[in-house]
């Protein structure tokens, strides 16, 4: 089906957009704060660069805590990796959809991968949405839509795959 590759592509693009939109909105004592995944990664980069400073390393060494500093740096990098991994299915869906549009076909293999990445993305989005308990932002809702688009596009491609149409005989003879 011709629309399946566009459904997957748009779903992937929406998932990438969700990275920059508020994931969580928290209200405490009359103040509301929203945080996007981009802000989290940017903040973790700032923490990581602070841990790399020579004065921090010297202070940690003077207290005999060089191993703790290295462990903290590894932990910050690990958290950053997890935040980025949340959006990996969206990126892969965008790549699969983009490849389908570029190749002008979207067969069963692309449909299978779209379905699988859509299921993973929907699962991740559902877990995060339930963990947010009503404090979720628009980014988590769009992440759910991304997973749903991958599932729908994948099922559409599996039911009726789009194959490359061969050129008519008159065109092939002229070449």
C-alpha atoms as a PDB file:
ATOM      1  CA  UNK A   1       0.000   0.000   0.000  1.00  0.00           C
ATOM      2  CA  UNK A   2       1.445   3.338  -1.017  1.00  0.00           C
ATOM      3  CA  UNK A   3       0.482   5.182   2.185  1.00  0.00           C
ATOM      4  CA  UNK A   4       2.304   2.822   4.560  1.00  0.00           C
ATOM      5  CA  UNK A   5       5.765   4.286   3.973  1.00  0.00           C
ATOM      6  CA  UNK A   6       4.438   7.801   4.582  1.00  0.00           C
ATOM      7  CA  UNK A   7       2.689   6.726   7.794  1.00  0.00           C
ATOM      8  CA  UNK A   8       5.958   5.263   9.081  1.00  0.00           C
ATOM      9  CA  UNK A   9       7.986   8.298   7.953  1.00  0.00           C
ATOM     10  CA  UNK A  10       5.627  10.804   9.591  1.00  0.00           C
ATOM     11  CA  UNK A  11       5.525   8.702  12.760  1.00  0.00           C
ATOM     12  CA  UNK A  12       9.319   8.669  12.935  1.00  0.00           C
ATOM     13  CA  UNK A  13       9.552  12.410  12.356  1.00  0.00           C
ATOM     14  CA  UNK A  14       6.994  12.999  15.108  1.00  0.00           C
ATOM     15  CA  UNK A  15       9.082  10.849  17.456  1.00  0.00           C
ATOM     16  CA  UNK A  16      12.187  12.872  16.699  1.00  0.00           C
ATOM     17  CA  UNK A  17      10.185  16.046  17.302  1.00  0.00           C
ATOM     18  CA  UNK A  18       9.057  14.630  20.676  1.00  0.00           C
ATOM     19  CA  UNK A  19      12.709  14.722  21.789  1.00  0.00           C
ATOM     20  CA  UNK A  20      12.488  18.521  21.866  1.00  0.00           C
ATOM     21  CA  UNK A  21       8.974  18.830  23.345  1.00  0.00           C
ATOM     22  CA  UNK A  22       8.105  18.760  27.062  1.00  0.00           C
ATOM     23  CA  UNK A  23       8.080  15.177  28.314  1.00  0.00           C
ATOM     24  CA  UNK A  24       7.023  15.948  31.862  1.00  0.00           C
ATOM     25  CA  UNK A  25       5.196  18.891  33.380  1.00  0.00           C
ATOM     26  CA  UNK A  26       5.393  19.112  37.173  1.00  0.00           C
ATOM     27  CA  UNK A  27       3.516  21.579  39.399  1.00  0.00           C
ATOM     28  CA  UNK A  28       4.784  22.083  42.949  1.00  0.00           C
ATOM     29  CA  UNK A  29       3.831  24.902  45.305  1.00  0.00           C
ATOM     30  CA  UNK A  30       2.147  26.867  42.534  1.00  0.00           C
ATOM     31  CA  UNK A  31       5.107  26.688  40.139  1.00  0.00           C
ATOM     32  CA  UNK A  32       5.059  24.639  36.967  1.00  0.00           C
ATOM     33  CA  UNK A  33       8.168  23.290  35.258  1.00  0.00           C
ATOM     34  CA  UNK A  34       8.440  21.328  32.022  1.00  0.00           C
ATOM     35  CA  UNK A  35      11.403  19.259  30.916  1.00  0.00           C
ATOM     36  CA  UNK A  36      12.197  17.861  27.486  1.00  0.00           C
ATOM     37  CA  UNK A  37      14.575  15.010  26.739  1.00  0.00           C
ATOM     38  CA  UNK A  38      16.816  17.507  24.954  1.00  0.00           C
ATOM     39  CA  UNK A  39      17.088  19.551  28.173  1.00  0.00           C
ATOM     40  CA  UNK A  40      17.904  16.416  30.156  1.00  0.00           C
ATOM     41  CA  UNK A  41      20.700  15.428  27.768  1.00  0.00           C
ATOM     42  CA  UNK A  42      22.008  18.994  27.689  1.00  0.00           C
ATOM     43  CA  UNK A  43      22.032  19.102  31.504  1.00  0.00           C
ATOM     44  CA  UNK A  44      23.806  15.753  31.712  1.00  0.00           C
ATOM     45  CA  UNK A  45      26.427  17.071  29.279  1.00  0.00           C
ATOM     46  CA  UNK A  46      26.998  20.023  31.616  1.00  0.00           C
ATOM     47  CA  UNK A  47      27.398  17.693  34.602  1.00  0.00           C
ATOM     48  CA  UNK A  48      29.772  15.489  32.631  1.00  0.00           C
ATOM     49  CA  UNK A  49      31.938  18.457  31.604  1.00  0.00           C
ATOM     50  CA  UNK A  50      32.070  19.633  35.245  1.00  0.00           C
ATOM     51  CA  UNK A  51      33.285  16.190  36.295  1.00  0.00           C
ATOM     52  CA  UNK A  52      36.060  16.436  33.683  1.00  0.00           C
ATOM     53  CA  UNK A  53      37.536  19.628  35.143  1.00  0.00           C
ATOM     54  CA  UNK A  54      41.018  19.359  36.624  1.00  0.00           C
ATOM     55  CA  UNK A  55      40.058  21.031  39.913  1.00  0.00           C
ATOM     56  CA  UNK A  56      37.318  18.450  40.503  1.00  0.00           C
ATOM     57  CA  UNK A  57      39.730  15.623  39.698  1.00  0.00           C
ATOM     58  CA  UNK A  58      42.368  17.058  42.069  1.00  0.00           C
ATOM     59  CA  UNK A  59      39.837  17.453  44.881  1.00  0.00           C
ATOM     60  CA  UNK A  60      38.582  13.907  44.380  1.00  0.00           C
ATOM     61  CA  UNK A  61      42.174  12.620  44.384  1.00  0.00           C
ATOM     62  CA  UNK A  62      42.957  14.503  47.615  1.00  0.00           C
ATOM     63  CA  UNK A  63      40.029  12.750  49.297  1.00  0.00           C
ATOM     64  CA  UNK A  64      40.976   9.407  47.780  1.00  0.00           C
ATOM     65  CA  UNK A  65      37.786   9.341  45.707  1.00  0.00           C
ATOM     66  CA  UNK A  66      39.121   9.089  42.147  1.00  0.00           C
ATOM     67  CA  UNK A  67      37.225   5.839  41.627  1.00  0.00           C
ATOM     68  CA  UNK A  68      33.988   7.455  42.790  1.00  0.00           C
ATOM     69  CA  UNK A  69      34.489  10.323  40.358  1.00  0.00           C
ATOM     70  CA  UNK A  70      35.030   7.883  37.493  1.00  0.00           C
ATOM     71  CA  UNK A  71      31.951   5.946  38.589  1.00  0.00           C
ATOM     72  CA  UNK A  72      29.882   9.144  38.685  1.00  0.00           C
ATOM     73  CA  UNK A  73      31.047  10.067  35.174  1.00  0.00           C
ATOM     74  CA  UNK A  74      30.169   6.588  33.903  1.00  0.00           C
ATOM     75  CA  UNK A  75      26.742   6.866  35.557  1.00  0.00           C
ATOM     76  CA  UNK A  76      26.015  10.219  33.948  1.00  0.00           C
ATOM     77  CA  UNK A  77      27.045   8.875  30.545  1.00  0.00           C
ATOM     78  CA  UNK A  78      24.869   5.796  31.101  1.00  0.00           C
ATOM     79  CA  UNK A  79      21.814   7.902  31.916  1.00  0.00           C
ATOM     80  CA  UNK A  80      22.419   9.987  28.804  1.00  0.00           C
ATOM     81  CA  UNK A  81      22.560   6.791  26.762  1.00  0.00           C
ATOM     82  CA  UNK A  82      19.255   5.591  28.210  1.00  0.00           C
ATOM     83  CA  UNK A  83      17.537   8.891  27.400  1.00  0.00           C
ATOM     84  CA  UNK A  84      18.835   8.698  23.837  1.00  0.00           C
ATOM     85  CA  UNK A  85      17.794   5.025  23.529  1.00  0.00           C
ATOM     86  CA  UNK A  86      14.195   5.980  24.306  1.00  0.00           C
ATOM     87  CA  UNK A  87      14.093   7.741  20.948  1.00  0.00           C
ATOM     88  CA  UNK A  88      15.964   5.082  18.949  1.00  0.00           C
ATOM     89  CA  UNK A  89      12.743   3.439  17.653  1.00  0.00           C
ATOM     90  CA  UNK A  90      11.538   6.817  16.372  1.00  0.00           C
ATOM     91  CA  UNK A  91      14.824   7.434  14.574  1.00  0.00           C
ATOM     92  CA  UNK A  92      14.743   3.951  13.042  1.00  0.00           C
ATOM     93  CA  UNK A  93      11.132   4.425  11.915  1.00  0.00           C
ATOM     94  CA  UNK A  94      12.086   7.710  10.247  1.00  0.00           C
ATOM     95  CA  UNK A  95      14.990   5.988   8.484  1.00  0.00           C
ATOM     96  CA  UNK A  96      12.840   3.059   7.324  1.00  0.00           C
ATOM     97  CA  UNK A  97      10.083   5.390   6.110  1.00  0.00           C
ATOM     98  CA  UNK A  98      12.600   7.670   4.407  1.00  0.00           C
ATOM     99  CA  UNK A  99      14.238   4.714   2.680  1.00  0.00           C
ATOM    100  CA  UNK A 100      10.823   3.519   1.525  1.00  0.00           C
ATOM    101  CA  UNK A 101       9.998   6.918   0.065  1.00  0.00           C
ATOM    102  CA  UNK A 102      13.403   7.145  -1.632  1.00  0.00           C
ATOM    103  CA  UNK A 103      13.191   3.626  -3.088  1.00  0.00           C
ATOM    104  CA  UNK A 104       9.536   4.049  -4.042  1.00  0.00           C
ATOM    105  CA  UNK A 105       8.656   0.700  -2.488  1.00  0.00           C
ATOM    106  CA  UNK A 106       7.790  -0.555   0.968  1.00  0.00           C
ATOM    107  CA  UNK A 107       7.743  -4.321   1.144  1.00  0.00           C
ATOM    108  CA  UNK A 108       7.250  -6.940   3.827  1.00  0.00           C
ATOM    109  CA  UNK A 109      10.741  -6.591   5.301  1.00  0.00           C
ATOM    110  CA  UNK A 110      10.270  -2.861   5.875  1.00  0.00           C
ATOM    111  CA  UNK A 111       6.781  -3.569   7.187  1.00  0.00           C
ATOM    112  CA  UNK A 112       8.091  -6.148   9.645  1.00  0.00           C
ATOM    113  CA  UNK A 113      10.762  -3.825  10.997  1.00  0.00           C
ATOM    114  CA  UNK A 114       8.271  -0.964  11.172  1.00  0.00           C
ATOM    115  CA  UNK A 115       5.885  -3.144  13.142  1.00  0.00           C
ATOM    116  CA  UNK A 116       8.626  -4.277  15.538  1.00  0.00           C
ATOM    117  CA  UNK A 117      10.048  -0.790  16.122  1.00  0.00           C
ATOM    118  CA  UNK A 118       6.512   0.552  16.478  1.00  0.00           C
ATOM    119  CA  UNK A 119       5.768  -2.031  19.178  1.00  0.00           C
ATOM    120  CA  UNK A 120       8.994  -1.184  21.006  1.00  0.00           C
ATOM    121  CA  UNK A 121       8.294   2.554  20.735  1.00  0.00           C
ATOM    122  CA  UNK A 122       4.719   2.130  21.924  1.00  0.00           C
ATOM    123  CA  UNK A 123       5.908   0.034  24.862  1.00  0.00           C
ATOM    124  CA  UNK A 124       8.517   2.600  25.877  1.00  0.00           C
ATOM    125  CA  UNK A 125       6.004   5.434  25.538  1.00  0.00           C
ATOM    126  CA  UNK A 126       3.373   3.571  27.563  1.00  0.00           C
ATOM    127  CA  UNK A 127       5.824   2.794  30.373  1.00  0.00           C
ATOM    128  CA  UNK A 128       6.978   6.421  30.554  1.00  0.00           C
ATOM    129  CA  UNK A 129       3.420   7.750  30.340  1.00  0.00           C
ATOM    130  CA  UNK A 130       2.278   5.511  33.200  1.00  0.00           C
ATOM    131  CA  UNK A 131       5.342   6.437  35.257  1.00  0.00           C
ATOM    132  CA  UNK A 132       4.563  10.142  34.810  1.00  0.00           C
ATOM    133  CA  UNK A 133       1.122   9.629  36.446  1.00  0.00           C
ATOM    134  CA  UNK A 134      -0.706  12.559  34.920  1.00  0.00           C
ATOM    135  CA  UNK A 135       2.332  14.845  34.892  1.00  0.00           C
ATOM    136  CA  UNK A 136       3.220  13.848  31.344  1.00  0.00           C
ATOM    137  CA  UNK A 137       3.720  16.459  28.669  1.00  0.00           C
ATOM    138  CA  UNK A 138       2.921  16.523  24.983  1.00  0.00           C
ATOM    139  CA  UNK A 139       6.232  14.803  24.163  1.00  0.00           C
ATOM    140  CA  UNK A 140       5.138  11.522  25.743  1.00  0.00           C
ATOM    141  CA  UNK A 141       1.814  11.615  23.918  1.00  0.00           C
ATOM    142  CA  UNK A 142       3.612  12.152  20.615  1.00  0.00           C
ATOM    143  CA  UNK A 143       5.974   9.297  21.491  1.00  0.00           C
ATOM    144  CA  UNK A 144       2.910   7.055  21.844  1.00  0.00           C
ATOM    145  CA  UNK A 145       1.661   8.259  18.440  1.00  0.00           C
ATOM    146  CA  UNK A 146       5.049   7.409  16.953  1.00  0.00           C
ATOM    147  CA  UNK A 147       4.779   3.823  18.128  1.00  0.00           C
ATOM    148  CA  UNK A 148       1.211   3.605  16.903  1.00  0.00           C
ATOM    149  CA  UNK A 149       2.194   4.962  13.469  1.00  0.00           C
ATOM    150  CA  UNK A 150       4.958   2.351  13.211  1.00  0.00           C
ATOM    151  CA  UNK A 151       2.502  -0.427  14.063  1.00  0.00           C
ATOM    152  CA  UNK A 152      -0.169   0.799  11.638  1.00  0.00           C
ATOM    153  CA  UNK A 153       2.324   1.385   8.805  1.00  0.00           C
ATOM    154  CA  UNK A 154       3.930  -1.991   9.433  1.00  0.00           C
ATOM    155  CA  UNK A 155       0.599  -3.834   9.372  1.00  0.00           C
ATOM    156  CA  UNK A 156      -0.422  -1.984   6.204  1.00  0.00           C
ATOM    157  CA  UNK A 157       2.833  -3.031   4.512  1.00  0.00           C
ATOM    158  CA  UNK A 158       2.470  -6.631   5.659  1.00  0.00           C
ATOM    159  CA  UNK A 159      -1.119  -6.907   4.450  1.00  0.00           C
ATOM    160  CA  UNK A 160      -0.468  -5.343   1.065  1.00  0.00           C
ATOM    161  CA  UNK A 161       3.235  -4.743   0.340  1.00  0.00           C
ATOM    162  CA  UNK A 162       4.229  -2.188  -2.251  1.00  0.00           C
ATOM    163  CA  UNK A 163       6.541  -3.571  -4.862  1.00  0.00           C
ATOM    164  CA  UNK A 164       8.577  -1.725  -7.455  1.00  0.00           C
ATOM    165  CA  UNK A 165       6.627  -1.679 -10.706  1.00  0.00           C
ATOM    166  CA  UNK A 166       8.783  -2.731 -13.674  1.00  0.00           C
ATOM    167  CA  UNK A 167       9.040  -0.309 -16.566  1.00  0.00           C
ATOM    168  CA  UNK A 168       6.847  -1.023 -19.602  1.00  0.00           C
ATOM    169  CA  UNK A 169       8.433  -3.049 -22.401  1.00  0.00           C
ATOM    170  CA  UNK A 170       8.533  -0.033 -24.737  1.00  0.00           C
ATOM    171  CA  UNK A 171      10.619   1.921 -22.210  1.00  0.00           C
ATOM    172  CA  UNK A 172      12.986  -1.010 -21.618  1.00  0.00           C
ATOM    173  CA  UNK A 173      13.460  -1.502 -25.402  1.00  0.00           C
ATOM    174  CA  UNK A 174      14.351   2.162 -25.875  1.00  0.00           C
ATOM    175  CA  UNK A 175      17.071   1.925 -23.213  1.00  0.00           C
END
